[in-house]
């Protein structure tokens, strides 16, 4: 922490209290005290010398841990499931149970999932204004026409609202590559079902500029700093090549 300190909401996020937005809410609700006085200004500068509490509990910055997990099909992204379905934390060791999943993959979907106790990173990866890309490989139950690709790009009105893809590429008559920057619940499945198709398999293969083709299904590994940076930037668009006249 610098000698000038850091913003209170950022400090709370670094303590694992929650995302920056969640910390803002706690501050506005008067649940955060600074040196034994309630503080309702998220921009207040604090240093390591200050006493900061959420409720009656003192908080201190955590050592952040960020992992990538290759989620298998059949597991739910939650820490507790009322229906007693298998959850992703069943596959993680005890020392990682405090990590929060960033976004989610539905029970029938597979692929890359980030878990972290870094509230700022979680906020950056999920905030709509950041436009972080997530890429999926989708297999439909039946073959589809090229019209589906056009509709995906133009936008589809689903029960959750209008949804569209940033990019779509045909891989075969039943497989396609879809890139999203939005995050409606079960978005790709909803878009497909609205257009009369069912998804047989859905795998997330990229977040930002981060890929990992080698991590086995159901396994995890810690991310290095340079890999975390890749999560936060999208690949540069491929330059179009033009033939001379």
Protein backbone atom coordinates (compact mmCIF):
# COMPACT_ATOMS: atom_id res chain seq x y z
CA UNK A 1 0.00 0.00 0.00
CA UNK A 2 1.44 3.41 -0.92
CA UNK A 3 2.19 6.13 1.63
CA UNK A 4 -0.77 8.07 0.26
CA UNK A 5 -3.03 5.13 1.00
CA UNK A 6 -5.71 3.57 -1.13
CA UNK A 7 -9.45 4.00 -1.47
CA UNK A 8 -11.52 2.36 1.23
CA UNK A 9 -13.59 0.29 -1.21
CA UNK A 10 -10.45 -0.97 -2.95
CA UNK A 11 -8.90 -1.83 0.40
CA UNK A 12 -11.97 -3.85 1.43
CA UNK A 13 -11.90 -5.72 -1.88
CA UNK A 14 -8.23 -6.58 -1.27
CA UNK A 15 -9.30 -8.06 2.08
CA UNK A 16 -11.63 -10.48 0.31
CA UNK A 17 -14.76 -8.75 1.60
CA UNK A 18 -16.31 -8.81 -1.88
CA UNK A 19 -16.29 -7.06 -5.23
CA UNK A 20 -15.76 -3.29 -5.37
CA UNK A 21 -19.49 -2.82 -5.91
CA UNK A 22 -20.36 -5.04 -2.95
CA UNK A 23 -17.91 -3.10 -0.77
CA UNK A 24 -19.48 0.18 -1.88
CA UNK A 25 -22.86 -1.12 -0.72
CA UNK A 26 -21.47 -2.08 2.71
CA UNK A 27 -19.94 1.36 3.10
CA UNK A 28 -23.11 3.21 2.08
CA UNK A 29 -25.11 1.06 4.52
CA UNK A 30 -22.90 2.25 7.38
CA UNK A 31 -21.44 -1.19 8.07
CA UNK A 32 -17.80 -0.12 7.78
CA UNK A 33 -15.86 1.75 10.44
CA UNK A 34 -12.55 3.55 10.10
CA UNK A 35 -10.64 4.10 13.34
CA UNK A 36 -13.82 3.37 15.33
CA UNK A 37 -15.98 5.82 13.36
CA UNK A 38 -18.53 4.87 10.71
CA UNK A 39 -17.30 5.86 7.24
CA UNK A 40 -19.77 6.17 4.35
CA UNK A 41 -17.38 7.49 1.70
CA UNK A 42 -15.87 4.74 -0.51
CA UNK A 43 -13.19 7.16 -1.75
CA UNK A 44 -11.74 7.80 1.71
CA UNK A 45 -8.01 7.11 1.68
CA UNK A 46 -6.74 4.53 4.18
CA UNK A 47 -3.33 3.09 5.04
CA UNK A 48 -2.06 0.00 6.83
CA UNK A 49 -1.89 2.06 10.02
CA UNK A 50 -5.68 2.51 10.06
CA UNK A 51 -8.10 0.27 11.96
CA UNK A 52 -10.85 -0.89 9.61
CA UNK A 53 -13.80 -3.08 10.55
CA UNK A 54 -16.80 -4.53 8.77
CA UNK A 55 -19.36 -4.72 11.53
CA UNK A 56 -17.26 -5.71 14.55
CA UNK A 57 -14.74 -7.75 12.56
CA UNK A 58 -11.32 -6.23 11.76
CA UNK A 59 -10.19 -6.81 8.19
CA UNK A 60 -6.72 -7.06 6.68
CA UNK A 61 -5.56 -7.52 3.08
CA UNK A 62 -5.33 -11.15 2.04
CA UNK A 63 -2.69 -12.85 0.01
CA UNK A 64 -4.59 -13.24 -3.23
CA UNK A 65 -4.92 -16.57 -4.95
CA UNK A 66 -6.28 -17.04 -8.45
CA UNK A 67 -6.75 -20.42 -10.10
CA UNK A 68 -8.14 -21.74 -13.35
CA UNK A 69 -10.41 -24.77 -13.06
CA UNK A 70 -11.52 -26.97 -15.94
CA UNK A 71 -15.12 -27.49 -14.89
CA UNK A 72 -16.64 -30.86 -15.86
CA UNK A 73 -20.23 -31.36 -16.87
CA UNK A 74 -22.67 -32.18 -14.07
CA UNK A 75 -21.34 -29.79 -11.43
CA UNK A 76 -22.97 -26.59 -10.20
CA UNK A 77 -21.13 -23.30 -9.64
CA UNK A 78 -22.14 -22.62 -6.05
CA UNK A 79 -20.78 -23.18 -2.54
CA UNK A 80 -24.01 -24.77 -1.33
CA UNK A 81 -26.79 -26.35 -3.34
CA UNK A 82 -30.29 -26.76 -1.92
CA UNK A 83 -30.95 -29.66 -4.30
CA UNK A 84 -27.82 -31.49 -3.15
CA UNK A 85 -26.36 -31.56 -6.65
CA UNK A 86 -22.59 -31.99 -7.05
CA UNK A 87 -20.80 -28.64 -6.72
CA UNK A 88 -17.46 -27.49 -8.11
CA UNK A 89 -16.02 -27.12 -4.59
CA UNK A 90 -16.35 -30.89 -4.14
CA UNK A 91 -13.42 -31.13 -6.56
CA UNK A 92 -11.21 -28.53 -4.86
CA UNK A 93 -8.96 -29.04 -1.81
CA UNK A 94 -9.90 -27.51 1.54
CA UNK A 95 -7.30 -24.75 1.22
CA UNK A 96 -9.14 -23.37 -1.85
CA UNK A 97 -12.68 -23.47 -0.47
CA UNK A 98 -12.57 -19.73 0.33
CA UNK A 99 -12.14 -18.77 -3.32
CA UNK A 100 -15.12 -17.35 -5.22
CA UNK A 101 -15.98 -18.37 -8.76
CA UNK A 102 -15.93 -15.50 -11.25
CA UNK A 103 -19.16 -15.73 -13.22
CA UNK A 104 -20.44 -19.24 -13.71
CA UNK A 105 -20.98 -22.11 -16.10
CA UNK A 106 -24.32 -23.91 -15.84
CA UNK A 107 -24.51 -27.51 -14.69
CA UNK A 108 -24.39 -28.97 -18.19
CA UNK A 109 -21.54 -26.76 -19.44
CA UNK A 110 -17.81 -27.35 -19.26
CA UNK A 111 -14.52 -25.52 -19.53
CA UNK A 112 -12.46 -22.71 -18.10
CA UNK A 113 -13.62 -21.14 -14.84
CA UNK A 114 -11.66 -18.63 -12.77
CA UNK A 115 -11.77 -18.73 -8.96
CA UNK A 116 -10.15 -16.04 -6.84
CA UNK A 117 -10.26 -14.06 -3.60
CA UNK A 118 -9.18 -10.93 -5.49
CA UNK A 119 -12.32 -8.78 -5.52
CA UNK A 120 -10.86 -6.28 -7.99
CA UNK A 121 -10.00 -8.98 -10.48
CA UNK A 122 -13.47 -10.49 -10.18
CA UNK A 123 -15.04 -7.08 -10.75
CA UNK A 124 -12.88 -6.39 -13.80
CA UNK A 125 -13.70 -9.76 -15.37
CA UNK A 126 -17.46 -9.44 -14.91
CA UNK A 127 -18.20 -5.73 -15.32
CA UNK A 128 -20.16 -5.15 -18.57
CA UNK A 129 -18.13 -2.04 -19.45
CA UNK A 130 -14.90 -4.05 -19.60
CA UNK A 131 -16.19 -6.14 -22.55
CA UNK A 132 -14.00 -9.13 -21.65
CA UNK A 133 -14.49 -11.86 -24.25
CA UNK A 134 -15.44 -15.43 -23.41
CA UNK A 135 -15.16 -17.97 -26.21
CA UNK A 136 -17.18 -21.18 -26.42
CA UNK A 137 -17.27 -24.27 -28.61
CA UNK A 138 -20.90 -25.27 -29.12
CA UNK A 139 -22.30 -28.52 -30.48
CA UNK A 140 -25.97 -28.58 -31.39
CA UNK A 141 -28.14 -31.69 -31.30
CA UNK A 142 -29.16 -31.25 -34.94
CA UNK A 143 -27.55 -29.50 -37.91
CA UNK A 144 -28.18 -25.78 -38.28
CA UNK A 145 -28.43 -23.38 -41.21
CA UNK A 146 -26.18 -20.36 -41.74
CA UNK A 147 -29.13 -18.18 -40.77
CA UNK A 148 -28.47 -19.12 -37.14
CA UNK A 149 -25.05 -17.43 -37.34
CA UNK A 150 -26.58 -14.26 -38.76
CA UNK A 151 -29.24 -14.19 -36.05
CA UNK A 152 -26.65 -14.72 -33.31
CA UNK A 153 -24.76 -11.64 -34.51
CA UNK A 154 -27.84 -9.47 -35.07
CA UNK A 155 -29.41 -10.38 -31.75
CA UNK A 156 -32.08 -12.79 -30.54
CA UNK A 157 -35.00 -11.83 -28.30
CA UNK A 158 -35.08 -14.44 -25.52
CA UNK A 159 -37.06 -14.77 -22.30
CA UNK A 160 -34.14 -13.02 -20.54
CA UNK A 161 -34.03 -10.13 -23.02
CA UNK A 162 -32.16 -9.42 -26.25
CA UNK A 163 -28.94 -11.40 -26.55
CA UNK A 164 -26.25 -11.29 -29.21
CA UNK A 165 -22.79 -12.67 -29.85
CA UNK A 166 -19.72 -10.60 -30.64
CA UNK A 167 -18.49 -13.20 -33.12
CA UNK A 168 -19.68 -16.53 -34.49
CA UNK A 169 -17.87 -18.96 -36.79
CA UNK A 170 -19.17 -22.14 -38.39
CA UNK A 171 -16.97 -25.16 -37.66
CA UNK A 172 -19.23 -27.87 -39.08
CA UNK A 173 -22.93 -28.53 -39.63
CA UNK A 174 -23.40 -29.03 -35.86
CA UNK A 175 -20.47 -27.17 -34.32
CA UNK A 176 -19.80 -23.47 -34.00
CA UNK A 177 -17.47 -21.09 -32.22
CA UNK A 178 -19.19 -18.32 -30.26
CA UNK A 179 -17.61 -15.27 -28.59
CA UNK A 180 -19.62 -13.35 -25.97
CA UNK A 181 -18.95 -10.15 -24.07
CA UNK A 182 -22.34 -10.16 -22.32
CA UNK A 183 -23.40 -12.62 -19.66
CA UNK A 184 -27.10 -13.40 -19.64
CA UNK A 185 -27.94 -16.55 -17.71
CA UNK A 186 -27.58 -19.60 -19.99
CA UNK A 187 -27.25 -17.17 -22.88
CA UNK A 188 -26.07 -19.49 -25.64
CA UNK A 189 -28.58 -22.19 -24.73
CA UNK A 190 -31.37 -19.60 -24.69
CA UNK A 191 -30.35 -18.18 -28.06
CA UNK A 192 -30.23 -21.64 -29.60
CA UNK A 193 -33.57 -22.74 -28.13
CA UNK A 194 -35.23 -19.51 -29.29
CA UNK A 195 -34.09 -20.38 -32.82
CA UNK A 196 -35.31 -23.97 -32.54
CA UNK A 197 -32.08 -25.75 -31.65
CA UNK A 198 -30.84 -27.62 -28.58
CA UNK A 199 -27.27 -27.53 -27.31
CA UNK A 200 -25.66 -30.94 -26.91
CA UNK A 201 -22.29 -29.73 -25.62
CA UNK A 202 -20.94 -26.34 -24.56
CA UNK A 203 -17.32 -25.72 -23.58
CA UNK A 204 -15.69 -22.43 -22.60
CA UNK A 205 -12.19 -22.39 -24.08
CA UNK A 206 -11.00 -18.79 -23.66
CA UNK A 207 -11.33 -15.83 -21.31
CA UNK A 208 -9.82 -12.58 -22.59
CA UNK A 209 -6.56 -13.70 -24.17
CA UNK A 210 -6.09 -16.66 -21.83
CA UNK A 211 -6.26 -20.24 -23.13
CA UNK A 212 -5.34 -23.56 -21.55
CA UNK A 213 -5.76 -26.65 -23.73
CA UNK A 214 -3.77 -28.93 -21.43
CA UNK A 215 -5.48 -28.78 -18.04
CA UNK A 216 -7.46 -32.01 -17.54
CA UNK A 217 -11.19 -31.94 -16.90
CA UNK A 218 -11.93 -31.57 -13.19
CA UNK A 219 -8.43 -30.28 -12.41
CA UNK A 220 -7.10 -26.85 -11.47
CA UNK A 221 -3.85 -24.91 -11.32
CA UNK A 222 -2.67 -21.57 -9.96
CA UNK A 223 -2.28 -18.71 -12.43
CA UNK A 224 0.91 -16.70 -12.82
CA UNK A 225 0.81 -12.89 -12.88
CA UNK A 226 1.29 -12.73 -16.65
CA UNK A 227 -1.60 -15.16 -17.14
CA UNK A 228 -3.86 -13.05 -14.93
CA UNK A 229 -3.02 -10.06 -17.14
CA UNK A 230 -4.05 -12.09 -20.19
CA UNK A 231 -7.51 -12.58 -18.65
CA UNK A 232 -8.06 -8.83 -18.75
CA UNK A 233 -7.23 -8.12 -22.38
CA UNK A 234 -8.94 -9.32 -25.53
CA UNK A 235 -6.97 -10.64 -28.51
CA UNK A 236 -6.23 -8.13 -31.22
CA UNK A 237 -8.48 -8.56 -34.26
CA UNK A 238 -6.75 -10.35 -37.10
CA UNK A 239 -5.68 -7.95 -39.83
CA UNK A 240 -7.46 -8.41 -43.11
CA UNK A 241 -5.30 -9.14 -46.09
CA UNK A 242 -6.09 -7.43 -49.38
CA UNK A 243 -4.93 -8.53 -52.77
CA UNK A 244 -3.51 -5.91 -55.06
CA UNK A 245 -5.56 -5.02 -58.15
